[in-house]
N, C-alpha and C. Protein backbone atom coordinates (compact mmCIF):
# COMPACT_ATOMS: atom_id res chain seq x y z
N MET A 1 23.40 205.82 -122.60
CA MET A 1 24.34 205.12 -123.59
C MET A 1 24.28 203.79 -123.22
N LYS A 2 23.70 203.24 -121.76
CA LYS A 2 24.15 201.84 -120.90
C LYS A 2 22.70 201.83 -121.88
N THR A 3 21.69 202.20 -122.17
CA THR A 3 20.72 201.64 -122.71
C THR A 3 20.63 201.12 -124.64
N ASN A 4 21.64 201.94 -125.29
CA ASN A 4 21.67 201.64 -126.36
C ASN A 4 22.64 199.82 -126.35
N SER A 5 23.58 200.41 -125.28
CA SER A 5 24.39 199.09 -125.72
C SER A 5 23.47 197.92 -125.18
N LEU A 6 22.69 197.84 -124.60
CA LEU A 6 21.59 196.71 -124.08
C LEU A 6 21.16 196.53 -124.96
N ILE A 7 20.46 197.65 -126.05
CA ILE A 7 19.44 197.24 -126.95
C ILE A 7 20.13 196.72 -128.12
N LEU A 8 21.52 196.90 -128.04
CA LEU A 8 22.42 196.80 -129.30
C LEU A 8 22.51 194.96 -128.83
N THR A 9 22.84 194.96 -127.74
CA THR A 9 23.43 193.60 -127.21
C THR A 9 22.24 192.67 -127.56
N ILE A 10 20.60 192.58 -127.00
CA ILE A 10 20.08 191.99 -127.54
C ILE A 10 19.39 191.74 -128.54
N CYS A 11 19.50 192.62 -129.98
CA CYS A 11 19.32 192.60 -131.02
C CYS A 11 20.32 191.87 -131.45
N THR A 12 21.75 191.52 -131.03
CA THR A 12 22.67 191.46 -131.85
C THR A 12 22.69 189.50 -131.22
N ALA A 13 22.21 189.09 -130.05
CA ALA A 13 21.62 188.04 -129.88
C ALA A 13 20.60 187.54 -130.28
N ALA A 14 19.52 187.97 -130.54
CA ALA A 14 18.24 187.45 -131.01
C ALA A 14 19.00 187.34 -132.55
N THR A 15 19.27 188.24 -133.56
CA THR A 15 19.90 187.77 -134.71
C THR A 15 20.75 186.29 -134.64
N LEU A 16 21.60 186.45 -133.49
CA LEU A 16 22.58 185.39 -133.65
C LEU A 16 21.48 183.57 -133.47
N CYS A 17 20.60 184.15 -132.76
CA CYS A 17 19.28 182.74 -132.51
C CYS A 17 18.62 182.25 -133.63
N LEU A 18 18.29 183.58 -134.45
CA LEU A 18 17.46 183.40 -135.41
C LEU A 18 18.17 182.59 -136.56
N THR A 19 19.46 183.44 -136.80
CA THR A 19 20.55 182.60 -138.12
C THR A 19 20.69 180.93 -137.66
N ALA A 20 20.89 181.04 -136.23
CA ALA A 20 21.36 179.67 -135.75
C ALA A 20 19.90 178.51 -136.43
N CYS A 21 19.01 179.41 -136.04
CA CYS A 21 17.63 178.30 -136.01
C CYS A 21 17.83 177.31 -137.68
N ASP A 22 17.74 178.00 -138.49
CA ASP A 22 17.96 177.89 -139.65
C ASP A 22 19.15 177.25 -140.50
N LYS A 23 20.30 176.97 -139.75
CA LYS A 23 21.31 175.86 -140.03
C LYS A 23 21.23 174.36 -140.25
N PRO A 24 21.53 173.63 -141.09
CA PRO A 24 21.57 172.35 -141.17
C PRO A 24 22.49 171.86 -139.94
N GLU A 25 22.01 170.70 -139.75
CA GLU A 25 22.50 169.57 -138.48
C GLU A 25 24.14 169.21 -138.57
N ASP A 26 25.02 169.37 -137.75
CA ASP A 26 26.45 169.46 -138.21
C ASP A 26 26.26 167.72 -138.73
N PRO A 27 27.32 167.98 -139.79
CA PRO A 27 27.07 166.09 -140.50
C PRO A 27 28.03 165.56 -139.43
N ILE A 28 28.84 165.27 -138.84
CA ILE A 28 28.84 164.28 -138.04
C ILE A 28 27.58 163.96 -137.38
N LYS A 29 27.19 164.59 -136.53
CA LYS A 29 26.08 164.10 -135.84
C LYS A 29 24.80 163.55 -136.30
N ASN A 30 24.79 164.63 -137.45
CA ASN A 30 23.88 164.04 -138.30
C ASN A 30 24.32 162.34 -139.12
N ARG A 31 25.21 162.01 -139.19
CA ARG A 31 25.20 160.88 -139.72
C ARG A 31 25.23 159.63 -138.36
N ALA A 32 25.53 160.26 -137.06
CA ALA A 32 25.38 159.33 -136.21
C ALA A 32 23.88 159.49 -135.91
N ASP A 33 23.04 160.48 -136.00
CA ASP A 33 21.65 160.42 -135.50
C ASP A 33 21.02 159.60 -136.93
N VAL A 34 21.63 159.19 -138.34
CA VAL A 34 20.99 158.96 -139.26
C VAL A 34 21.46 157.00 -138.65
N ALA A 35 22.59 156.76 -138.39
CA ALA A 35 22.85 155.54 -137.99
C ALA A 35 22.09 155.05 -137.26
N LYS A 36 22.39 156.09 -135.87
CA LYS A 36 20.95 155.52 -134.87
C LYS A 36 19.84 154.77 -135.19
N ALA A 37 18.90 155.75 -135.95
CA ALA A 37 18.07 155.61 -136.72
C ALA A 37 17.78 154.29 -137.50
N GLU A 38 18.52 153.98 -138.24
CA GLU A 38 18.68 152.89 -138.80
C GLU A 38 18.86 152.11 -138.11
N ALA A 39 19.43 151.78 -137.02
CA ALA A 39 19.71 150.66 -136.27
C ALA A 39 18.30 150.60 -135.37
N ASP A 40 17.90 151.81 -135.07
CA ASP A 40 16.72 151.40 -134.01
C ASP A 40 15.67 150.90 -134.79
N ALA A 41 15.72 151.65 -136.54
CA ALA A 41 14.90 150.92 -136.94
C ALA A 41 14.81 149.25 -137.89
N ASN A 42 16.12 148.92 -137.98
CA ASN A 42 16.29 147.19 -138.14
C ASN A 42 15.65 146.67 -137.15
N ARG A 43 16.07 147.28 -135.48
CA ARG A 43 15.99 146.21 -134.85
C ARG A 43 14.28 146.31 -134.61
N ALA A 44 13.71 147.15 -134.72
CA ALA A 44 12.18 147.30 -134.82
C ALA A 44 11.27 146.83 -135.70
N VAL A 45 12.16 146.91 -136.81
CA VAL A 45 11.60 145.60 -137.76
C VAL A 45 11.59 144.19 -137.64
N THR A 46 12.57 143.80 -137.31
CA THR A 46 13.31 142.40 -136.49
C THR A 46 12.50 142.27 -135.58
N ASP A 47 12.39 142.65 -134.41
CA ASP A 47 11.59 142.26 -133.50
C ASP A 47 10.03 142.17 -134.04
N LYS A 48 9.34 142.89 -135.13
CA LYS A 48 8.11 142.87 -135.49
C LYS A 48 7.56 141.69 -136.11
N ARG A 49 9.05 141.49 -137.10
CA ARG A 49 9.13 140.32 -138.10
C ARG A 49 9.00 139.23 -137.02
N ALA A 50 9.80 139.01 -135.72
CA ALA A 50 10.22 137.95 -135.02
C ALA A 50 8.50 137.80 -134.42
N ASP A 51 7.66 138.88 -133.74
CA ASP A 51 6.67 138.74 -133.48
C ASP A 51 5.37 138.19 -134.57
N VAL A 52 5.65 138.76 -135.23
CA VAL A 52 4.21 138.28 -136.70
C VAL A 52 4.32 136.49 -137.13
N ALA A 53 5.87 136.37 -136.89
CA ALA A 53 6.16 134.99 -137.19
C ALA A 53 5.47 133.99 -136.00
N ARG A 54 6.11 134.20 -135.16
CA ARG A 54 5.33 133.44 -133.78
C ARG A 54 3.72 133.26 -134.20
N ASP A 55 2.80 134.56 -134.85
CA ASP A 55 1.31 134.67 -134.83
C ASP A 55 1.16 133.88 -135.88
N VAL A 56 2.21 133.71 -137.10
CA VAL A 56 1.82 133.07 -138.33
C VAL A 56 1.93 131.53 -138.02
N ALA A 57 3.45 131.31 -137.27
CA ALA A 57 3.19 129.71 -136.66
C ALA A 57 2.34 129.05 -135.90
N ASP A 58 2.04 130.27 -134.96
CA ASP A 58 0.68 129.45 -134.27
C ASP A 58 -0.77 129.40 -135.10
N ALA A 59 -0.91 130.52 -136.05
CA ALA A 59 -1.99 129.86 -136.79
C ALA A 59 -2.26 128.87 -137.63
N GLN A 60 -0.50 128.59 -138.09
CA GLN A 60 -0.47 127.24 -139.02
C GLN A 60 -0.64 125.89 -138.30
N ALA A 61 -0.31 126.30 -136.77
CA ALA A 61 -0.17 125.08 -136.28
C ALA A 61 -1.54 124.83 -135.70
N ASP A 62 -2.37 125.74 -135.55
CA ASP A 62 -4.03 125.66 -135.03
C ASP A 62 -4.56 124.75 -136.63
N LEU A 63 -4.13 125.34 -137.57
CA LEU A 63 -4.70 124.98 -138.90
C LEU A 63 -4.08 123.22 -138.90
N ALA A 64 -3.20 123.28 -138.68
CA ALA A 64 -2.72 121.62 -138.92
C ALA A 64 -3.20 120.66 -137.49
N LYS A 65 -3.62 121.26 -136.35
CA LYS A 65 -4.23 120.56 -135.43
C LYS A 65 -6.11 120.27 -136.15
N THR A 66 -6.16 121.45 -136.79
CA THR A 66 -7.84 121.37 -136.89
C THR A 66 -8.06 120.39 -138.26
N ARG A 67 -7.04 120.40 -139.09
CA ARG A 67 -6.84 118.98 -140.26
C ARG A 67 -6.92 118.08 -139.75
N ALA A 68 -6.25 117.71 -138.52
CA ALA A 68 -5.74 116.52 -138.03
C ALA A 68 -7.12 115.91 -137.22
N GLU A 69 -7.73 116.91 -137.19
CA GLU A 69 -8.88 116.25 -135.56
C GLU A 69 -10.25 116.12 -136.77
N ALA A 70 -10.34 117.08 -137.56
CA ALA A 70 -11.44 116.51 -139.43
C ALA A 70 -11.19 115.44 -139.87
N ASN A 71 -9.57 114.83 -140.07
CA ASN A 71 -9.74 113.80 -140.54
C ASN A 71 -9.75 112.59 -139.89
N ARG A 72 -9.43 112.96 -138.67
CA ARG A 72 -9.88 112.31 -137.31
C ARG A 72 -11.47 111.81 -137.63
N GLU A 73 -12.16 112.90 -137.27
CA GLU A 73 -13.69 112.66 -137.45
C GLU A 73 -14.15 112.34 -138.50
N VAL A 74 -13.58 112.26 -139.94
CA VAL A 74 -13.87 111.19 -141.44
C VAL A 74 -13.45 110.43 -141.08
N GLY A 75 -12.88 110.13 -140.66
CA GLY A 75 -12.76 108.29 -140.50
C GLY A 75 -13.48 107.87 -139.09
N GLU A 76 -13.82 107.91 -138.05
CA GLU A 76 -14.44 108.03 -137.80
C GLU A 76 -16.31 107.91 -137.82
N ALA A 77 -16.38 108.68 -139.16
CA ALA A 77 -17.46 108.34 -139.03
C ALA A 77 -17.57 107.67 -140.85
N ARG A 78 -17.08 107.04 -141.52
CA ARG A 78 -15.98 106.04 -141.89
C ARG A 78 -16.77 104.88 -141.23
N ARG A 79 -16.42 104.33 -140.67
CA ARG A 79 -16.07 103.43 -139.84
C ARG A 79 -17.82 103.13 -138.83
N ASP A 80 -17.91 104.30 -138.73
CA ASP A 80 -19.85 103.93 -138.26
C ASP A 80 -20.88 104.23 -139.45
N ALA A 81 -19.96 104.71 -140.56
CA ALA A 81 -21.15 104.81 -141.74
C ALA A 81 -21.37 102.89 -142.46
N ASN A 82 -20.12 102.20 -142.29
CA ASN A 82 -19.84 100.65 -142.11
C ASN A 82 -21.04 99.70 -141.54
N ALA A 83 -21.34 100.39 -140.31
CA ALA A 83 -22.05 99.51 -139.60
C ALA A 83 -23.55 99.88 -139.68
N THR A 84 -24.08 100.87 -140.52
CA THR A 84 -25.60 100.95 -140.82
C THR A 84 -25.34 101.92 -142.11
N ILE A 85 -25.60 100.88 -143.07
CA ILE A 85 -25.58 101.29 -144.92
C ILE A 85 -26.20 102.58 -145.07
N ASN A 86 -27.29 102.31 -144.57
CA ASN A 86 -28.83 102.99 -144.95
C ASN A 86 -28.41 104.64 -144.73
N ASP A 87 -28.19 104.60 -143.04
CA ASP A 87 -28.02 105.86 -142.38
C ASP A 87 -26.11 106.74 -142.83
N ALA A 88 -25.20 105.70 -143.37
CA ALA A 88 -23.97 105.77 -143.36
C ALA A 88 -23.56 107.48 -144.44
N ASP A 89 -24.36 106.95 -145.80
CA ASP A 89 -23.97 108.37 -146.40
C ASP A 89 -24.29 109.44 -146.18
N GLY A 90 -25.41 109.58 -145.29
CA GLY A 90 -26.25 110.84 -144.69
C GLY A 90 -25.38 111.22 -143.99
N LYS A 91 -24.91 110.34 -142.71
CA LYS A 91 -23.96 111.00 -141.82
C LYS A 91 -22.53 110.99 -142.61
N LEU A 92 -22.10 110.26 -143.16
CA LEU A 92 -20.67 110.49 -144.02
C LEU A 92 -20.65 111.99 -144.24
N ALA A 93 -21.47 112.37 -145.31
CA ALA A 93 -21.99 113.32 -146.06
C ALA A 93 -22.03 114.87 -145.18
N GLU A 94 -22.85 114.70 -144.09
CA GLU A 94 -22.66 115.89 -142.92
C GLU A 94 -21.16 115.63 -142.67
N THR A 95 -20.69 114.86 -141.86
CA THR A 95 -19.81 114.78 -141.23
C THR A 95 -18.71 115.94 -142.06
N THR A 96 -18.98 115.01 -143.18
CA THR A 96 -17.26 115.86 -144.23
C THR A 96 -17.64 117.10 -144.64
N ASN A 97 -18.60 117.30 -144.78
CA ASN A 97 -19.21 118.66 -144.70
C ASN A 97 -18.80 119.39 -143.95
N ALA A 98 -19.14 119.11 -142.47
CA ALA A 98 -18.86 119.91 -141.26
C ALA A 98 -17.14 119.69 -140.85
N ALA A 99 -16.33 119.04 -141.53
CA ALA A 99 -15.07 118.67 -141.51
C ALA A 99 -14.42 119.75 -142.20
N ASN A 100 -14.85 119.55 -143.55
CA ASN A 100 -14.49 120.76 -144.73
C ASN A 100 -14.86 122.33 -144.17
N ALA A 101 -15.92 122.51 -143.71
CA ALA A 101 -16.20 123.97 -143.15
C ALA A 101 -15.30 124.37 -141.94
N LYS A 102 -14.88 123.71 -141.12
CA LYS A 102 -14.43 123.45 -140.13
C LYS A 102 -13.01 123.98 -140.68
N VAL A 103 -12.30 123.52 -141.68
CA VAL A 103 -11.07 123.61 -142.10
C VAL A 103 -11.03 124.84 -142.64
N GLY A 104 -12.31 124.89 -143.45
CA GLY A 104 -12.37 126.46 -144.28
C GLY A 104 -12.21 127.28 -143.80
N ARG A 105 -13.28 127.42 -142.52
CA ARG A 105 -12.68 128.02 -141.50
C ARG A 105 -11.84 128.95 -141.09
N GLU A 106 -11.08 127.76 -140.43
CA GLU A 106 -9.77 127.88 -139.72
C GLU A 106 -8.46 128.02 -140.93
N GLU A 107 -8.82 127.93 -142.00
CA GLU A 107 -7.84 128.58 -143.18
C GLU A 107 -8.27 129.93 -143.55
N ALA A 108 -9.30 130.21 -143.03
CA ALA A 108 -9.95 131.61 -143.02
C ALA A 108 -9.31 132.65 -142.07
N GLU A 109 -9.04 132.33 -140.99
CA GLU A 109 -8.56 132.73 -139.84
C GLU A 109 -6.99 133.00 -140.08
N ALA A 110 -6.63 131.87 -140.03
CA ALA A 110 -4.81 131.40 -141.05
C ALA A 110 -5.01 132.74 -141.81
N MET A 111 -5.51 133.02 -142.70
CA MET A 111 -5.41 133.56 -143.57
C MET A 111 -5.29 135.28 -143.32
N ARG A 112 -6.07 135.72 -142.19
CA ARG A 112 -6.36 136.81 -141.87
C ARG A 112 -5.30 136.90 -140.82
N THR A 113 -4.90 136.28 -139.95
CA THR A 113 -3.55 135.86 -139.01
C THR A 113 -2.29 136.65 -140.29
N ARG A 114 -2.25 135.69 -141.12
CA ARG A 114 -0.84 136.51 -142.31
C ARG A 114 -1.02 137.33 -142.93
N ALA A 115 -2.29 138.28 -143.04
CA ALA A 115 -2.71 139.43 -143.68
C ALA A 115 -2.14 140.08 -142.68
N LYS A 116 -2.68 140.09 -141.11
CA LYS A 116 -2.69 140.88 -139.96
C LYS A 116 -0.74 141.05 -139.53
N ALA A 117 -0.19 140.11 -140.05
CA ALA A 117 1.30 139.82 -139.87
C ALA A 117 2.03 140.86 -141.13
N ASP A 118 1.47 140.56 -142.22
CA ASP A 118 1.72 141.33 -143.42
C ASP A 118 1.98 142.81 -143.30
N TYR A 119 0.51 143.28 -143.05
CA TYR A 119 0.77 144.19 -142.53
C TYR A 119 1.38 145.10 -141.77
N GLU A 120 1.51 144.47 -140.55
CA GLU A 120 2.20 144.85 -139.34
C GLU A 120 3.66 145.18 -139.77
N VAL A 121 4.36 144.15 -140.46
CA VAL A 121 5.92 144.30 -141.05
C VAL A 121 5.48 145.27 -141.74
N ALA A 122 4.83 145.30 -142.48
CA ALA A 122 4.61 146.48 -143.80
C ALA A 122 4.46 148.02 -143.49
N LYS A 123 3.89 148.42 -142.24
CA LYS A 123 4.08 149.55 -141.22
C LYS A 123 5.11 149.45 -140.48
N ALA A 124 5.37 148.69 -139.77
CA ALA A 124 6.82 148.69 -138.98
C ALA A 124 8.24 149.36 -140.17
N ASP A 125 7.73 148.82 -141.79
CA ASP A 125 8.92 148.97 -142.47
C ASP A 125 8.99 150.62 -143.23
N ALA A 126 7.79 150.43 -143.29
CA ALA A 126 7.18 152.27 -143.18
C ALA A 126 7.24 153.20 -142.57
N GLU A 127 7.53 152.80 -141.32
CA GLU A 127 7.48 153.74 -140.24
C GLU A 127 9.34 153.91 -139.71
N ALA A 128 9.72 152.79 -140.12
CA ALA A 128 11.28 152.91 -140.17
C ALA A 128 12.07 153.45 -141.52
N THR A 129 11.48 153.43 -141.77
CA THR A 129 12.04 154.30 -143.27
C THR A 129 11.64 155.64 -142.87
N TYR A 130 10.78 156.02 -142.94
CA TYR A 130 10.27 157.60 -142.24
C TYR A 130 11.11 157.73 -141.18
N LYS A 131 11.48 157.15 -140.54
CA LYS A 131 12.28 158.22 -139.61
C LYS A 131 13.38 158.32 -139.92
N VAL A 132 13.65 157.17 -140.94
CA VAL A 132 15.44 157.01 -141.26
C VAL A 132 16.08 158.33 -142.35
N ALA A 133 14.33 158.49 -143.04
CA ALA A 133 14.48 159.44 -144.09
C ALA A 133 14.43 161.12 -143.39
N LYS A 134 13.87 160.99 -142.37
CA LYS A 134 13.67 162.33 -141.69
C LYS A 134 14.47 162.72 -140.88
N GLU A 135 15.52 161.93 -140.53
CA GLU A 135 16.93 161.78 -139.61
C GLU A 135 17.75 162.57 -141.38
N ARG A 136 17.54 161.84 -142.29
CA ARG A 136 18.87 161.96 -143.38
C ARG A 136 17.67 163.95 -143.80
N CYS A 137 17.06 164.36 -143.34
CA CYS A 137 16.74 165.61 -143.70
C CYS A 137 17.41 166.59 -143.15
N ASP A 138 17.65 166.01 -142.21
CA ASP A 138 18.05 166.95 -141.37
C ASP A 138 19.04 167.81 -141.63
N ALA A 139 20.04 167.10 -142.48
CA ALA A 139 21.34 167.34 -143.18
C ALA A 139 21.45 168.55 -144.16
N ALA A 140 20.26 168.88 -144.44
CA ALA A 140 19.38 169.77 -144.94
C ALA A 140 18.97 171.42 -144.66
N GLY A 141 19.22 172.56 -144.93
CA GLY A 141 18.47 173.57 -144.20
C GLY A 141 17.24 174.01 -145.14
N GLY A 142 16.59 174.74 -144.35
CA GLY A 142 15.65 175.78 -145.28
C GLY A 142 14.60 174.69 -145.91
N SER A 143 14.15 175.46 -147.39
CA SER A 143 13.35 174.84 -148.12
C SER A 143 13.65 173.45 -148.18
N ALA A 144 14.69 172.79 -148.89
CA ALA A 144 15.32 171.61 -148.95
C ALA A 144 14.74 170.61 -148.19
N ARG A 145 15.11 170.93 -146.87
CA ARG A 145 14.66 170.04 -145.57
C ARG A 145 13.28 169.89 -145.83
N ASP A 146 12.48 171.01 -146.27
CA ASP A 146 10.95 170.93 -146.02
C ASP A 146 10.52 170.34 -147.53
N THR A 147 11.11 170.21 -148.46
CA THR A 147 10.44 169.56 -149.07
C THR A 147 11.11 167.88 -149.23
N CYS A 148 12.61 167.79 -148.67
CA CYS A 148 12.98 166.60 -148.22
C CYS A 148 11.59 165.83 -146.96
N LEU A 149 11.51 166.71 -146.15
CA LEU A 149 10.15 166.14 -145.52
C LEU A 149 9.04 165.76 -145.99
N ASN A 150 8.56 166.64 -146.71
CA ASN A 150 7.18 166.41 -147.34
C ASN A 150 7.27 165.20 -148.56
N THR A 151 7.97 165.03 -148.89
CA THR A 151 8.65 163.48 -149.03
C THR A 151 8.77 162.28 -148.78
N ALA A 152 9.30 163.01 -148.01
CA ALA A 152 9.07 161.36 -146.83
C ALA A 152 7.62 160.91 -146.31
N LYS A 153 7.09 162.15 -146.26
CA LYS A 153 6.03 162.04 -144.91
C LYS A 153 4.90 161.58 -146.52
N SER A 154 5.12 161.84 -147.52
CA SER A 154 4.74 161.27 -148.70
C SER A 154 4.62 160.06 -148.98
N SER A 155 5.89 159.31 -149.12
CA SER A 155 6.19 158.36 -149.15
C SER A 155 5.70 156.87 -147.85
N TYR A 156 5.86 157.60 -146.73
CA TYR A 156 5.09 157.09 -145.66
C TYR A 156 3.60 156.55 -145.81
N GLU A 157 3.29 157.94 -146.18
CA GLU A 157 1.42 157.82 -146.59
C GLU A 157 1.09 156.95 -147.24
N SER A 158 2.08 156.63 -148.68
CA SER A 158 1.84 155.84 -149.37
C SER A 158 2.21 154.35 -149.26
N ALA A 159 2.56 154.51 -148.62
CA ALA A 159 3.67 152.70 -148.08
C ALA A 159 2.22 152.73 -147.17
N LEU A 160 1.65 153.21 -146.00
CA LEU A 160 0.73 152.85 -145.12
C LEU A 160 -0.65 152.85 -145.90
N ALA A 161 -0.72 153.51 -146.92
CA ALA A 161 -2.22 153.22 -147.73
C ALA A 161 -1.84 152.03 -148.69
N THR A 162 -0.88 151.50 -149.19
CA THR A 162 -0.94 150.41 -149.79
C THR A 162 -1.10 148.85 -148.97
N ALA A 163 -0.26 149.40 -147.79
CA ALA A 163 -0.36 148.11 -146.78
C ALA A 163 -2.12 147.98 -146.56
N ASP A 164 -2.64 149.33 -145.95
CA ASP A 164 -4.18 148.87 -145.58
C ASP A 164 -4.95 148.47 -146.82
N GLN A 165 -4.58 148.66 -148.28
CA GLN A 165 -5.52 148.45 -149.04
C GLN A 165 -5.11 146.67 -149.29
N ARG A 166 -3.71 146.22 -149.22
CA ARG A 166 -3.49 144.71 -149.20
C ARG A 166 -4.12 143.97 -147.81
N LEU A 167 -4.12 144.78 -146.93
CA LEU A 167 -4.84 144.06 -145.59
C LEU A 167 -6.68 143.62 -145.79
N GLU A 168 -6.80 144.42 -146.66
CA GLU A 168 -8.57 144.63 -146.51
C GLU A 168 -8.87 143.75 -147.88
N GLN A 169 -7.56 143.43 -148.85
CA GLN A 169 -8.22 142.45 -149.75
C GLN A 169 -8.16 141.31 -149.26
N HIS A 170 -6.94 140.78 -148.47
CA HIS A 170 -6.78 139.58 -147.51
C HIS A 170 -8.00 139.52 -147.07
N ARG A 171 -8.33 140.74 -145.69
CA ARG A 171 -9.30 140.00 -145.07
C ARG A 171 -10.65 139.99 -146.16
N ARG A 172 -10.97 140.25 -147.34
CA ARG A 172 -12.08 140.46 -148.10
C ARG A 172 -12.25 139.17 -148.22
N ASP A 173 -10.88 138.08 -149.14
CA ASP A 173 -10.42 137.00 -149.41
C ASP A 173 -10.87 135.79 -148.42
N ALA A 174 -10.46 135.96 -146.93
CA ALA A 174 -10.81 135.55 -145.60
C ALA A 174 -12.30 135.22 -145.18
N ASP A 175 -12.91 136.45 -145.55
CA ASP A 175 -14.59 136.61 -145.45
C ASP A 175 -14.81 135.79 -146.17
N ALA A 176 -15.05 135.73 -147.86
CA ALA A 176 -15.24 135.32 -148.95
C ALA A 176 -15.36 133.63 -148.40
N LEU A 177 -13.88 132.86 -148.03
CA LEU A 177 -13.32 131.72 -147.64
C LEU A 177 -14.22 131.35 -146.44
N ASP A 178 -14.50 132.22 -145.94
CA ASP A 178 -15.46 131.86 -144.72
C ASP A 178 -16.73 131.60 -145.21
N LYS A 179 -17.05 132.74 -145.75
CA LYS A 179 -18.54 132.08 -145.93
C LYS A 179 -18.93 131.39 -146.84
N ALA A 180 -18.47 130.85 -147.35
CA ALA A 180 -18.18 129.59 -148.29
C ALA A 180 -18.30 128.40 -147.57
N ASN A 181 -17.68 128.15 -146.31
CA ASN A 181 -17.68 127.30 -145.45
C ASN A 181 -18.58 127.42 -144.24
N GLY A 182 -19.79 128.19 -144.61
CA GLY A 182 -20.85 128.27 -143.16
C GLY A 182 -20.46 129.41 -142.58
N GLY A 183 -19.54 130.41 -142.50
CA GLY A 183 -19.10 130.97 -141.53
C GLY A 183 -19.63 132.24 -141.66
């Protein structure tokens, strides 16, 4: 008799455990989880935007400095060219080409930095959106949750693929500019 009672108790506990696994999350807890995920996601995107904004600003500052140096070098070359007319034209052209190539290479580097920054923001946004979507999927149960999760993952992978394609195109553009300037 005790064995039957023990078996019945074990079966009842196992049944309760199995049915509890497929129930959707408590709506109040789910809303709190979604709100937390959205706040975390927004904070992550904001932090990433600040990081990449600094990187872009640094790249722009480097570009401005390189342009100023190039303009200074061209000016110096012009003054030297007036001293020796025969050599002046050749030296001016050589210096101008070198300065333009230097600026072009720096522009290419700035393009790469902006492309990487845009990619990081797009990636952070995709990850944040995916995290929030997964939390929202927890409100559903069973196959609806699986479908929701699959859709969220598909959207995430699509967003990453698009960001990767844009990054590669920008890199190719920067490489072409770099190559055109002797890089």
